[in-house]
N, C-alpha and C. Protein backbone atom coordinates (compact mmCIF):
# COMPACT_ATOMS: atom_id res chain seq x y z
N MET A 1 -1.52 1.24 13.19
CA MET A 1 -2.74 1.16 12.41
C MET A 1 -2.86 2.40 11.52
N PHE A 2 -3.36 2.19 10.30
CA PHE A 2 -3.50 3.28 9.33
C PHE A 2 -4.94 3.27 8.79
N THR A 3 -5.23 4.24 7.94
CA THR A 3 -6.58 4.31 7.37
C THR A 3 -6.57 4.18 5.85
N GLY A 4 -5.40 4.18 5.23
CA GLY A 4 -5.34 4.07 3.78
C GLY A 4 -5.61 5.38 3.06
N ILE A 5 -5.54 6.49 3.79
CA ILE A 5 -5.68 7.81 3.18
C ILE A 5 -4.27 8.41 3.05
N VAL A 6 -3.75 8.42 1.85
CA VAL A 6 -2.38 8.89 1.61
C VAL A 6 -2.26 10.37 1.95
N GLU A 7 -1.26 10.70 2.74
CA GLU A 7 -1.06 12.09 3.14
C GLU A 7 -0.11 12.84 2.22
N GLU A 8 0.81 12.10 1.61
CA GLU A 8 1.87 12.78 0.87
C GLU A 8 2.51 11.83 -0.13
N LEU A 9 2.87 12.37 -1.29
CA LEU A 9 3.68 11.62 -2.24
C LEU A 9 5.14 11.90 -1.90
N GLY A 10 5.85 10.87 -1.47
CA GLY A 10 7.25 11.02 -1.10
C GLY A 10 8.16 10.51 -2.21
N GLU A 11 9.45 10.49 -1.89
CA GLU A 11 10.44 10.05 -2.89
C GLU A 11 11.58 9.32 -2.18
N ILE A 12 12.02 8.22 -2.78
CA ILE A 12 13.20 7.52 -2.28
C ILE A 12 14.43 8.33 -2.69
N VAL A 13 15.19 8.79 -1.71
CA VAL A 13 16.37 9.60 -2.02
C VAL A 13 17.67 8.84 -1.80
N ALA A 14 17.61 7.69 -1.11
CA ALA A 14 18.80 6.86 -0.95
C ALA A 14 18.34 5.44 -0.62
N LYS A 15 19.14 4.47 -1.06
CA LYS A 15 18.87 3.07 -0.77
C LYS A 15 20.20 2.37 -0.54
N GLU A 16 20.35 1.80 0.64
CA GLU A 16 21.58 1.10 0.99
C GLU A 16 21.29 -0.39 1.10
N GLU A 17 21.94 -1.18 0.25
CA GLU A 17 21.77 -2.63 0.27
C GLU A 17 22.62 -3.22 1.39
N LEU A 18 22.00 -3.96 2.29
CA LEU A 18 22.70 -4.62 3.38
C LEU A 18 22.71 -6.13 3.13
N VAL A 19 23.31 -6.89 4.03
CA VAL A 19 23.45 -8.33 3.81
C VAL A 19 22.09 -9.01 3.66
N ASP A 20 21.18 -8.77 4.59
CA ASP A 20 19.86 -9.39 4.55
C ASP A 20 18.77 -8.37 4.80
N ALA A 21 19.00 -7.16 4.34
CA ALA A 21 18.06 -6.07 4.56
C ALA A 21 18.43 -4.90 3.64
N ALA A 22 17.70 -3.82 3.77
CA ALA A 22 18.00 -2.59 3.04
C ALA A 22 17.61 -1.41 3.91
N ARG A 23 18.34 -0.34 3.78
CA ARG A 23 17.99 0.89 4.49
C ARG A 23 17.58 1.93 3.46
N PHE A 24 16.36 2.43 3.62
CA PHE A 24 15.82 3.44 2.71
C PHE A 24 15.84 4.80 3.39
N THR A 25 16.13 5.82 2.61
CA THR A 25 15.93 7.20 3.03
C THR A 25 14.82 7.77 2.16
N VAL A 26 13.76 8.24 2.82
CA VAL A 26 12.56 8.67 2.11
C VAL A 26 12.28 10.13 2.43
N ARG A 27 12.10 10.94 1.39
CA ARG A 27 11.76 12.35 1.61
C ARG A 27 10.25 12.48 1.74
N GLY A 28 9.83 13.13 2.84
CA GLY A 28 8.41 13.36 3.09
C GLY A 28 8.26 14.43 4.15
N PRO A 29 8.36 15.69 3.77
CA PRO A 29 8.32 16.78 4.76
C PRO A 29 7.08 16.80 5.63
N LEU A 30 5.93 16.42 5.07
CA LEU A 30 4.70 16.45 5.86
C LEU A 30 4.70 15.35 6.92
N VAL A 31 4.99 14.12 6.51
CA VAL A 31 4.90 13.01 7.46
C VAL A 31 6.03 13.03 8.49
N THR A 32 7.10 13.75 8.19
CA THR A 32 8.21 13.85 9.16
C THR A 32 8.08 15.08 10.04
N SER A 33 7.08 15.91 9.80
CA SER A 33 6.95 17.17 10.54
C SER A 33 6.79 16.96 12.04
N ASP A 34 6.19 15.81 12.42
CA ASP A 34 6.02 15.51 13.84
C ASP A 34 6.51 14.10 14.17
N ALA A 35 7.36 13.55 13.30
CA ALA A 35 7.83 12.18 13.48
C ALA A 35 9.09 12.13 14.34
N GLY A 36 9.28 11.00 14.97
CA GLY A 36 10.47 10.79 15.78
C GLY A 36 10.89 9.34 15.69
N HIS A 37 12.04 9.05 16.27
CA HIS A 37 12.57 7.69 16.27
C HIS A 37 11.54 6.71 16.85
N GLY A 38 11.29 5.62 16.11
CA GLY A 38 10.35 4.60 16.56
C GLY A 38 8.93 4.78 16.08
N ASP A 39 8.62 5.91 15.45
CA ASP A 39 7.27 6.10 14.92
C ASP A 39 7.04 5.23 13.69
N SER A 40 5.78 5.01 13.37
CA SER A 40 5.43 4.20 12.20
C SER A 40 4.96 5.08 11.06
N ILE A 41 5.48 4.81 9.86
CA ILE A 41 5.04 5.48 8.64
C ILE A 41 4.85 4.40 7.58
N ALA A 42 3.69 4.42 6.93
CA ALA A 42 3.42 3.46 5.86
C ALA A 42 4.02 3.98 4.56
N VAL A 43 4.83 3.15 3.92
CA VAL A 43 5.45 3.47 2.64
C VAL A 43 4.91 2.49 1.60
N ASN A 44 4.10 3.00 0.69
CA ASN A 44 3.40 2.14 -0.29
C ASN A 44 2.66 1.00 0.42
N GLY A 45 2.08 1.32 1.57
CA GLY A 45 1.27 0.36 2.28
C GLY A 45 2.02 -0.56 3.22
N VAL A 46 3.33 -0.38 3.35
CA VAL A 46 4.14 -1.20 4.24
C VAL A 46 4.50 -0.39 5.48
N CYS A 47 4.13 -0.88 6.64
CA CYS A 47 4.42 -0.18 7.88
C CYS A 47 5.92 -0.28 8.18
N LEU A 48 6.60 0.86 8.20
CA LEU A 48 8.02 0.91 8.50
C LEU A 48 8.25 1.74 9.76
N THR A 49 9.33 1.42 10.47
CA THR A 49 9.67 2.13 11.69
C THR A 49 10.74 3.16 11.40
N VAL A 50 10.50 4.38 11.83
CA VAL A 50 11.45 5.48 11.62
C VAL A 50 12.70 5.24 12.47
N VAL A 51 13.86 5.24 11.81
CA VAL A 51 15.13 5.14 12.52
C VAL A 51 15.65 6.53 12.86
N ASP A 52 15.71 7.38 11.85
CA ASP A 52 16.18 8.76 12.05
C ASP A 52 15.32 9.71 11.23
N VAL A 53 15.12 10.91 11.75
CA VAL A 53 14.48 11.99 11.00
C VAL A 53 15.57 13.01 10.68
N LEU A 54 15.70 13.34 9.40
CA LEU A 54 16.76 14.23 8.95
C LEU A 54 16.25 15.65 8.77
N ALA A 55 17.18 16.59 8.77
CA ALA A 55 16.82 18.00 8.74
C ALA A 55 16.15 18.40 7.43
N ASP A 56 16.35 17.65 6.36
CA ASP A 56 15.80 18.02 5.05
C ASP A 56 14.39 17.48 4.83
N GLY A 57 13.76 16.95 5.89
CA GLY A 57 12.41 16.42 5.75
C GLY A 57 12.39 14.98 5.28
N SER A 58 13.49 14.27 5.46
CA SER A 58 13.57 12.86 5.10
C SER A 58 13.63 12.01 6.37
N PHE A 59 13.37 10.72 6.21
CA PHE A 59 13.55 9.79 7.32
C PHE A 59 14.18 8.51 6.79
N THR A 60 14.85 7.78 7.67
CA THR A 60 15.43 6.51 7.29
C THR A 60 14.65 5.39 7.95
N ALA A 61 14.62 4.24 7.27
CA ALA A 61 13.92 3.07 7.79
C ALA A 61 14.63 1.82 7.30
N ASP A 62 14.76 0.85 8.18
CA ASP A 62 15.36 -0.43 7.82
C ASP A 62 14.27 -1.40 7.39
N VAL A 63 14.52 -2.11 6.30
CA VAL A 63 13.55 -3.08 5.77
C VAL A 63 14.23 -4.44 5.72
N MET A 64 13.71 -5.39 6.50
CA MET A 64 14.34 -6.71 6.57
C MET A 64 14.00 -7.53 5.33
N GLN A 65 14.74 -8.62 5.14
CA GLN A 65 14.60 -9.44 3.93
C GLN A 65 13.19 -9.98 3.78
N GLU A 66 12.54 -10.36 4.89
CA GLU A 66 11.18 -10.88 4.84
C GLU A 66 10.25 -9.89 4.17
N THR A 67 10.38 -8.63 4.53
CA THR A 67 9.52 -7.58 3.95
C THR A 67 9.87 -7.36 2.48
N LEU A 68 11.16 -7.39 2.16
CA LEU A 68 11.57 -7.23 0.77
C LEU A 68 11.03 -8.36 -0.10
N ASN A 69 10.98 -9.57 0.46
CA ASN A 69 10.49 -10.72 -0.29
C ASN A 69 8.99 -10.67 -0.51
N ARG A 70 8.26 -10.11 0.45
CA ARG A 70 6.80 -10.17 0.41
C ARG A 70 6.13 -8.91 -0.13
N SER A 71 6.91 -7.91 -0.45
CA SER A 71 6.34 -6.65 -0.94
C SER A 71 7.09 -6.19 -2.18
N SER A 72 6.66 -5.08 -2.72
CA SER A 72 7.32 -4.51 -3.90
C SER A 72 8.42 -3.53 -3.53
N LEU A 73 8.72 -3.38 -2.24
CA LEU A 73 9.74 -2.40 -1.84
C LEU A 73 11.11 -2.72 -2.41
N ALA A 74 11.41 -4.00 -2.65
CA ALA A 74 12.71 -4.37 -3.20
C ALA A 74 12.93 -3.76 -4.58
N LYS A 75 11.84 -3.47 -5.28
CA LYS A 75 11.95 -2.92 -6.63
C LYS A 75 12.08 -1.41 -6.65
N LEU A 76 11.95 -0.77 -5.48
CA LEU A 76 12.11 0.68 -5.42
C LEU A 76 13.57 1.07 -5.55
N ASP A 77 13.80 2.21 -6.15
CA ASP A 77 15.17 2.71 -6.28
C ASP A 77 15.15 4.21 -6.07
N VAL A 78 16.31 4.82 -6.07
CA VAL A 78 16.40 6.27 -5.89
C VAL A 78 15.59 6.96 -6.99
N GLY A 79 14.73 7.87 -6.58
CA GLY A 79 13.86 8.57 -7.51
C GLY A 79 12.45 8.03 -7.55
N SER A 80 12.22 6.83 -7.01
CA SER A 80 10.87 6.25 -7.00
C SER A 80 9.95 7.08 -6.11
N ARG A 81 8.74 7.34 -6.61
CA ARG A 81 7.74 8.03 -5.81
C ARG A 81 7.00 6.99 -4.96
N VAL A 82 6.61 7.37 -3.76
CA VAL A 82 5.96 6.45 -2.84
C VAL A 82 4.82 7.15 -2.11
N ASN A 83 3.79 6.37 -1.76
CA ASN A 83 2.67 6.87 -0.97
C ASN A 83 3.05 6.81 0.51
N LEU A 84 2.81 7.91 1.22
CA LEU A 84 3.18 7.99 2.63
C LEU A 84 1.96 8.32 3.50
N GLU A 85 1.90 7.65 4.65
CA GLU A 85 0.85 7.93 5.63
C GLU A 85 1.39 7.68 7.03
N ARG A 86 1.15 8.63 7.92
CA ARG A 86 1.49 8.43 9.33
C ARG A 86 0.46 7.53 9.98
N ALA A 87 0.87 6.88 11.07
CA ALA A 87 -0.08 6.06 11.83
C ALA A 87 -1.24 6.92 12.31
N ALA A 88 -2.43 6.33 12.33
CA ALA A 88 -3.63 7.07 12.72
C ALA A 88 -3.62 7.38 14.21
N ALA A 89 -4.09 8.58 14.55
CA ALA A 89 -4.27 8.95 15.96
C ALA A 89 -5.66 8.51 16.41
N LEU A 90 -5.81 8.22 17.70
CA LEU A 90 -7.08 7.72 18.20
C LEU A 90 -8.21 8.74 18.05
N ASN A 91 -7.87 10.01 17.97
CA ASN A 91 -8.91 11.04 17.86
C ASN A 91 -9.13 11.50 16.43
N SER A 92 -8.56 10.78 15.45
CA SER A 92 -8.72 11.20 14.06
C SER A 92 -9.89 10.47 13.41
N ARG A 93 -10.39 11.03 12.30
CA ARG A 93 -11.46 10.40 11.56
C ARG A 93 -10.93 9.19 10.80
N LEU A 94 -11.75 8.16 10.67
CA LEU A 94 -11.39 6.99 9.90
C LEU A 94 -11.90 7.18 8.48
N GLY A 95 -11.09 7.84 7.66
CA GLY A 95 -11.54 8.19 6.32
C GLY A 95 -11.56 7.03 5.35
N GLY A 96 -10.72 6.01 5.58
CA GLY A 96 -10.68 4.86 4.68
C GLY A 96 -11.25 3.65 5.38
N HIS A 97 -10.36 2.67 5.70
CA HIS A 97 -10.75 1.52 6.51
C HIS A 97 -9.55 1.11 7.35
N LEU A 98 -9.72 0.14 8.23
CA LEU A 98 -8.63 -0.27 9.10
C LEU A 98 -7.54 -0.97 8.29
N VAL A 99 -6.36 -0.37 8.29
CA VAL A 99 -5.23 -0.87 7.52
C VAL A 99 -4.07 -1.11 8.47
N GLN A 100 -3.49 -2.30 8.43
CA GLN A 100 -2.40 -2.65 9.34
C GLN A 100 -1.02 -2.28 8.81
N GLY A 101 -0.90 -2.17 7.51
CA GLY A 101 0.43 -1.96 6.94
C GLY A 101 1.19 -3.26 6.79
N HIS A 102 0.45 -4.39 6.78
CA HIS A 102 1.04 -5.72 6.61
C HIS A 102 0.61 -6.25 5.25
N VAL A 103 1.53 -6.34 4.33
CA VAL A 103 1.21 -6.74 2.96
C VAL A 103 0.84 -8.23 2.92
N ASP A 104 -0.30 -8.54 2.29
CA ASP A 104 -0.75 -9.92 2.16
C ASP A 104 -0.27 -10.56 0.87
N GLY A 105 0.06 -9.75 -0.11
CA GLY A 105 0.52 -10.26 -1.40
C GLY A 105 0.78 -9.11 -2.34
N THR A 106 1.34 -9.43 -3.48
CA THR A 106 1.58 -8.40 -4.50
C THR A 106 0.84 -8.78 -5.77
N GLY A 107 0.39 -7.75 -6.46
CA GLY A 107 -0.22 -7.93 -7.76
C GLY A 107 0.49 -7.02 -8.75
N HIS A 108 -0.08 -6.87 -9.92
CA HIS A 108 0.48 -5.91 -10.87
C HIS A 108 -0.65 -5.36 -11.73
N VAL A 109 -0.43 -4.17 -12.25
CA VAL A 109 -1.44 -3.51 -13.08
C VAL A 109 -1.57 -4.25 -14.40
N ILE A 110 -2.79 -4.67 -14.74
CA ILE A 110 -3.06 -5.38 -15.99
C ILE A 110 -3.48 -4.42 -17.08
N SER A 111 -4.35 -3.46 -16.72
CA SER A 111 -4.85 -2.53 -17.73
C SER A 111 -5.35 -1.27 -17.06
N ARG A 112 -5.47 -0.23 -17.85
CA ARG A 112 -6.05 1.04 -17.41
C ARG A 112 -7.05 1.49 -18.45
N SER A 113 -8.24 1.90 -18.00
CA SER A 113 -9.30 2.34 -18.90
C SER A 113 -9.79 3.71 -18.47
N PRO A 114 -9.25 4.77 -19.07
CA PRO A 114 -9.64 6.13 -18.65
C PRO A 114 -11.02 6.52 -19.15
N SER A 115 -11.74 7.25 -18.32
CA SER A 115 -13.00 7.87 -18.70
C SER A 115 -12.86 9.37 -18.48
N GLU A 116 -13.93 10.09 -18.70
CA GLU A 116 -13.86 11.55 -18.58
C GLU A 116 -13.58 11.99 -17.16
N ASN A 117 -14.20 11.32 -16.17
CA ASN A 117 -14.09 11.77 -14.78
C ASN A 117 -13.46 10.76 -13.84
N TRP A 118 -13.05 9.61 -14.33
CA TRP A 118 -12.39 8.62 -13.49
C TRP A 118 -11.62 7.67 -14.38
N GLU A 119 -10.92 6.73 -13.76
CA GLU A 119 -10.16 5.73 -14.52
C GLU A 119 -10.30 4.38 -13.82
N VAL A 120 -10.61 3.36 -14.60
CA VAL A 120 -10.71 2.01 -14.08
C VAL A 120 -9.37 1.31 -14.25
N VAL A 121 -8.84 0.81 -13.15
CA VAL A 121 -7.55 0.10 -13.17
C VAL A 121 -7.79 -1.35 -12.78
N ARG A 122 -7.31 -2.25 -13.61
CA ARG A 122 -7.45 -3.70 -13.36
C ARG A 122 -6.12 -4.23 -12.83
N ILE A 123 -6.20 -5.01 -11.74
CA ILE A 123 -5.00 -5.49 -11.06
C ILE A 123 -5.08 -7.00 -10.87
N ALA A 124 -3.97 -7.69 -11.17
CA ALA A 124 -3.91 -9.14 -10.98
C ALA A 124 -4.06 -9.47 -9.50
N LEU A 125 -4.85 -10.50 -9.22
CA LEU A 125 -5.17 -10.89 -7.85
C LEU A 125 -4.56 -12.26 -7.55
N PRO A 126 -3.59 -12.33 -6.64
CA PRO A 126 -2.97 -13.63 -6.31
C PRO A 126 -3.99 -14.61 -5.75
N ASP A 127 -3.83 -15.89 -6.10
CA ASP A 127 -4.75 -16.93 -5.62
C ASP A 127 -4.78 -16.97 -4.09
N SER A 128 -3.65 -16.69 -3.47
CA SER A 128 -3.53 -16.84 -2.02
C SER A 128 -4.45 -15.91 -1.23
N ILE A 129 -4.89 -14.81 -1.85
CA ILE A 129 -5.74 -13.86 -1.11
C ILE A 129 -7.07 -13.60 -1.81
N SER A 130 -7.33 -14.28 -2.91
CA SER A 130 -8.55 -13.97 -3.68
C SER A 130 -9.82 -14.21 -2.87
N ARG A 131 -9.79 -15.20 -1.94
CA ARG A 131 -11.01 -15.51 -1.18
C ARG A 131 -11.40 -14.39 -0.22
N TYR A 132 -10.48 -13.47 0.07
CA TYR A 132 -10.78 -12.37 0.99
C TYR A 132 -11.32 -11.13 0.28
N VAL A 133 -11.32 -11.15 -1.04
CA VAL A 133 -11.69 -9.96 -1.81
C VAL A 133 -13.10 -10.12 -2.35
N VAL A 134 -13.96 -9.14 -2.06
CA VAL A 134 -15.35 -9.18 -2.52
C VAL A 134 -15.70 -7.88 -3.21
N GLU A 135 -16.63 -7.98 -4.14
CA GLU A 135 -17.08 -6.78 -4.84
C GLU A 135 -17.72 -5.81 -3.85
N LYS A 136 -17.36 -4.55 -3.95
CA LYS A 136 -17.78 -3.46 -3.07
C LYS A 136 -17.13 -3.54 -1.69
N GLY A 137 -16.20 -4.46 -1.52
CA GLY A 137 -15.45 -4.52 -0.27
C GLY A 137 -14.22 -3.63 -0.34
N SER A 138 -13.48 -3.56 0.76
CA SER A 138 -12.30 -2.70 0.84
C SER A 138 -11.03 -3.50 0.56
N ILE A 139 -10.08 -2.84 -0.08
CA ILE A 139 -8.75 -3.39 -0.30
C ILE A 139 -7.76 -2.24 -0.30
N THR A 140 -6.55 -2.52 0.13
CA THR A 140 -5.51 -1.50 0.14
C THR A 140 -4.52 -1.81 -0.97
N VAL A 141 -4.30 -0.85 -1.85
CA VAL A 141 -3.37 -0.99 -2.98
C VAL A 141 -2.27 0.05 -2.82
N ASP A 142 -1.05 -0.40 -2.57
CA ASP A 142 0.08 0.51 -2.32
C ASP A 142 -0.26 1.55 -1.26
N GLY A 143 -0.99 1.11 -0.24
CA GLY A 143 -1.31 1.98 0.87
C GLY A 143 -2.54 2.83 0.70
N VAL A 144 -3.24 2.68 -0.41
CA VAL A 144 -4.44 3.47 -0.70
C VAL A 144 -5.69 2.63 -0.42
N SER A 145 -6.55 3.12 0.45
CA SER A 145 -7.81 2.44 0.74
C SER A 145 -8.77 2.63 -0.43
N LEU A 146 -9.21 1.50 -1.01
CA LEU A 146 -10.05 1.57 -2.20
C LEU A 146 -11.20 0.57 -2.11
N THR A 147 -12.22 0.79 -2.92
CA THR A 147 -13.36 -0.11 -3.01
C THR A 147 -13.23 -0.96 -4.26
N VAL A 148 -13.41 -2.25 -4.12
CA VAL A 148 -13.36 -3.17 -5.26
C VAL A 148 -14.62 -2.94 -6.10
N SER A 149 -14.44 -2.54 -7.35
CA SER A 149 -15.61 -2.26 -8.19
C SER A 149 -16.02 -3.45 -9.03
N ALA A 150 -15.10 -4.41 -9.23
CA ALA A 150 -15.44 -5.60 -10.01
C ALA A 150 -14.40 -6.68 -9.77
N LEU A 151 -14.83 -7.94 -9.96
CA LEU A 151 -13.95 -9.10 -9.90
C LEU A 151 -14.14 -9.88 -11.18
N GLY A 152 -13.09 -10.55 -11.66
CA GLY A 152 -13.25 -11.32 -12.88
C GLY A 152 -12.10 -12.25 -13.15
N GLY A 153 -12.22 -13.01 -14.25
CA GLY A 153 -11.20 -13.95 -14.66
C GLY A 153 -11.83 -15.23 -15.16
N ASP A 154 -11.09 -15.97 -15.96
CA ASP A 154 -11.59 -17.21 -16.55
C ASP A 154 -11.58 -18.37 -15.56
N ARG A 155 -10.66 -18.32 -14.58
CA ARG A 155 -10.52 -19.42 -13.62
C ARG A 155 -10.82 -18.95 -12.21
N GLY A 156 -11.89 -18.20 -12.05
CA GLY A 156 -12.20 -17.64 -10.74
C GLY A 156 -11.86 -16.16 -10.71
N PHE A 157 -11.55 -15.66 -9.53
CA PHE A 157 -11.25 -14.25 -9.39
C PHE A 157 -9.75 -14.02 -9.58
N GLU A 158 -9.35 -13.83 -10.82
CA GLU A 158 -7.94 -13.65 -11.15
C GLU A 158 -7.54 -12.18 -11.17
N TYR A 159 -8.52 -11.31 -11.15
CA TYR A 159 -8.22 -9.88 -11.10
C TYR A 159 -9.36 -9.14 -10.41
N PHE A 160 -9.04 -7.94 -9.98
CA PHE A 160 -10.08 -7.05 -9.46
C PHE A 160 -9.89 -5.69 -10.10
N GLU A 161 -10.94 -4.90 -10.06
CA GLU A 161 -10.87 -3.56 -10.63
C GLU A 161 -11.17 -2.53 -9.55
N ILE A 162 -10.53 -1.38 -9.69
CA ILE A 162 -10.79 -0.24 -8.83
C ILE A 162 -11.05 0.97 -9.73
N SER A 163 -11.94 1.83 -9.29
CA SER A 163 -12.27 3.03 -10.05
C SER A 163 -11.68 4.23 -9.32
N LEU A 164 -10.77 4.92 -9.98
CA LEU A 164 -10.02 5.99 -9.33
C LEU A 164 -10.53 7.36 -9.75
N ILE A 165 -10.84 8.19 -8.76
CA ILE A 165 -11.28 9.56 -9.02
C ILE A 165 -10.06 10.44 -9.28
N PRO A 166 -10.26 11.63 -9.86
CA PRO A 166 -9.12 12.50 -10.17
C PRO A 166 -8.20 12.79 -8.99
N THR A 167 -8.77 12.94 -7.79
CA THR A 167 -7.94 13.23 -6.61
C THR A 167 -6.96 12.09 -6.35
N THR A 168 -7.44 10.85 -6.42
CA THR A 168 -6.55 9.70 -6.20
C THR A 168 -5.50 9.61 -7.30
N LEU A 169 -5.91 9.88 -8.53
CA LEU A 169 -4.96 9.84 -9.64
C LEU A 169 -3.86 10.89 -9.49
N GLU A 170 -4.23 12.03 -8.93
CA GLU A 170 -3.28 13.14 -8.80
C GLU A 170 -2.38 13.00 -7.58
N LEU A 171 -2.91 12.49 -6.47
CA LEU A 171 -2.20 12.55 -5.20
C LEU A 171 -1.56 11.24 -4.76
N THR A 172 -1.66 10.19 -5.57
CA THR A 172 -1.02 8.92 -5.22
C THR A 172 -0.25 8.37 -6.42
N THR A 173 0.56 7.36 -6.16
CA THR A 173 1.36 6.74 -7.23
C THR A 173 0.48 5.98 -8.22
N LEU A 174 -0.77 5.70 -7.84
CA LEU A 174 -1.63 4.95 -8.74
C LEU A 174 -1.96 5.74 -10.00
N GLY A 175 -1.80 7.03 -9.95
CA GLY A 175 -2.07 7.86 -11.13
C GLY A 175 -1.08 7.64 -12.24
N THR A 176 0.12 7.17 -11.92
CA THR A 176 1.17 6.99 -12.93
C THR A 176 1.65 5.54 -13.04
N ALA A 177 0.94 4.62 -12.39
CA ALA A 177 1.33 3.20 -12.42
C ALA A 177 0.98 2.60 -13.77
N VAL A 178 1.99 2.34 -14.59
CA VAL A 178 1.76 1.81 -15.93
C VAL A 178 1.48 0.31 -15.85
N VAL A 179 1.00 -0.25 -16.96
CA VAL A 179 0.76 -1.69 -17.04
C VAL A 179 2.05 -2.44 -16.70
N GLY A 180 1.92 -3.41 -15.82
CA GLY A 180 3.08 -4.18 -15.37
C GLY A 180 3.65 -3.73 -14.05
N THR A 181 3.25 -2.55 -13.57
CA THR A 181 3.75 -2.04 -12.29
C THR A 181 3.32 -2.94 -11.14
N PRO A 182 4.26 -3.41 -10.30
CA PRO A 182 3.87 -4.21 -9.14
C PRO A 182 3.26 -3.34 -8.05
N VAL A 183 2.28 -3.88 -7.33
CA VAL A 183 1.63 -3.13 -6.26
C VAL A 183 1.45 -4.03 -5.04
N ASN A 184 1.53 -3.42 -3.86
CA ASN A 184 1.32 -4.13 -2.60
C ASN A 184 -0.17 -4.19 -2.31
N LEU A 185 -0.63 -5.36 -1.86
CA LEU A 185 -2.04 -5.56 -1.57
C LEU A 185 -2.22 -5.99 -0.13
N GLU A 186 -3.18 -5.36 0.54
CA GLU A 186 -3.58 -5.78 1.88
C GLU A 186 -5.09 -5.90 1.91
N VAL A 187 -5.57 -7.08 2.25
CA VAL A 187 -7.02 -7.31 2.29
C VAL A 187 -7.57 -6.82 3.63
N ASP A 188 -8.89 -6.76 3.71
CA ASP A 188 -9.56 -6.33 4.94
C ASP A 188 -9.27 -7.36 6.03
N VAL A 189 -8.65 -6.93 7.12
CA VAL A 189 -8.25 -7.84 8.19
C VAL A 189 -9.46 -8.55 8.81
N ILE A 190 -10.62 -7.92 8.77
CA ILE A 190 -11.82 -8.54 9.35
C ILE A 190 -12.13 -9.86 8.66
N ALA A 191 -11.93 -9.93 7.33
CA ALA A 191 -12.19 -11.15 6.58
C ALA A 191 -11.30 -12.29 7.06
N LYS A 192 -10.05 -11.98 7.38
CA LYS A 192 -9.12 -13.02 7.84
C LYS A 192 -9.50 -13.52 9.22
N TYR A 193 -9.94 -12.62 10.09
CA TYR A 193 -10.35 -13.04 11.43
C TYR A 193 -11.61 -13.91 11.37
N VAL A 194 -12.55 -13.53 10.51
CA VAL A 194 -13.78 -14.32 10.36
C VAL A 194 -13.44 -15.73 9.89
N GLU A 195 -12.54 -15.83 8.91
CA GLU A 195 -12.15 -17.15 8.42
C GLU A 195 -11.49 -17.97 9.53
N ARG A 196 -10.62 -17.36 10.32
CA ARG A 196 -9.92 -18.05 11.39
C ARG A 196 -10.91 -18.54 12.46
N LEU A 197 -11.84 -17.70 12.84
CA LEU A 197 -12.82 -18.08 13.85
C LEU A 197 -13.73 -19.19 13.34
N HIS A 198 -14.10 -19.10 12.08
CA HIS A 198 -14.97 -20.13 11.50
C HIS A 198 -14.25 -21.48 11.47
N SER A 199 -12.97 -21.47 11.11
CA SER A 199 -12.19 -22.71 11.05
C SER A 199 -12.01 -23.30 12.44
N ALA A 200 -11.81 -22.45 13.43
CA ALA A 200 -11.59 -22.92 14.80
C ALA A 200 -12.85 -23.54 15.39
N GLY A 201 -14.01 -23.12 14.88
CA GLY A 201 -15.26 -23.60 15.44
C GLY A 201 -15.75 -24.90 14.84
N ARG A 202 -15.03 -25.42 13.85
CA ARG A 202 -15.47 -26.67 13.20
C ARG A 202 -15.22 -27.87 14.10
């Protein structure tokens, strides 16, 4: 379990293509400072299991084909910057919201509208998860816990907007995500449980 508060901007330093998977080596001195084999680290919002921790502050993780198909990790290459977060400890503050690290869908940046003290970013919202997204609700974008500031579109909720403060722009990949950049999306898990319970009670 994570909170969506990015701890470190990491970098992909190696990528090995396997038959039905890929092995990534990710540099992140902070998140590897107390990491060991089997620990969980979220990479752009995807929960990955640490295989090895290397002396240079990097770690390796295997990503199966299912994850590559359902997330934007397949598009990462050597040199790509990534948002990193260690799994939350039970005694830590919940600064964002409950994040599982399970991607529900991918979107892409439609537009960016900078202001003096923040920037509004509009992101395409897949039909498959639009019913879980509400204005002023929580959503995770590339591992960053954010509040939905607006919903819109001609045929329903085809996009959502997030308003990014300077800290988020500086300390996460969202600060440099140009129009067209794919992003991993995870909706609030509570919404999915409510829907499941409601359906079961019919």
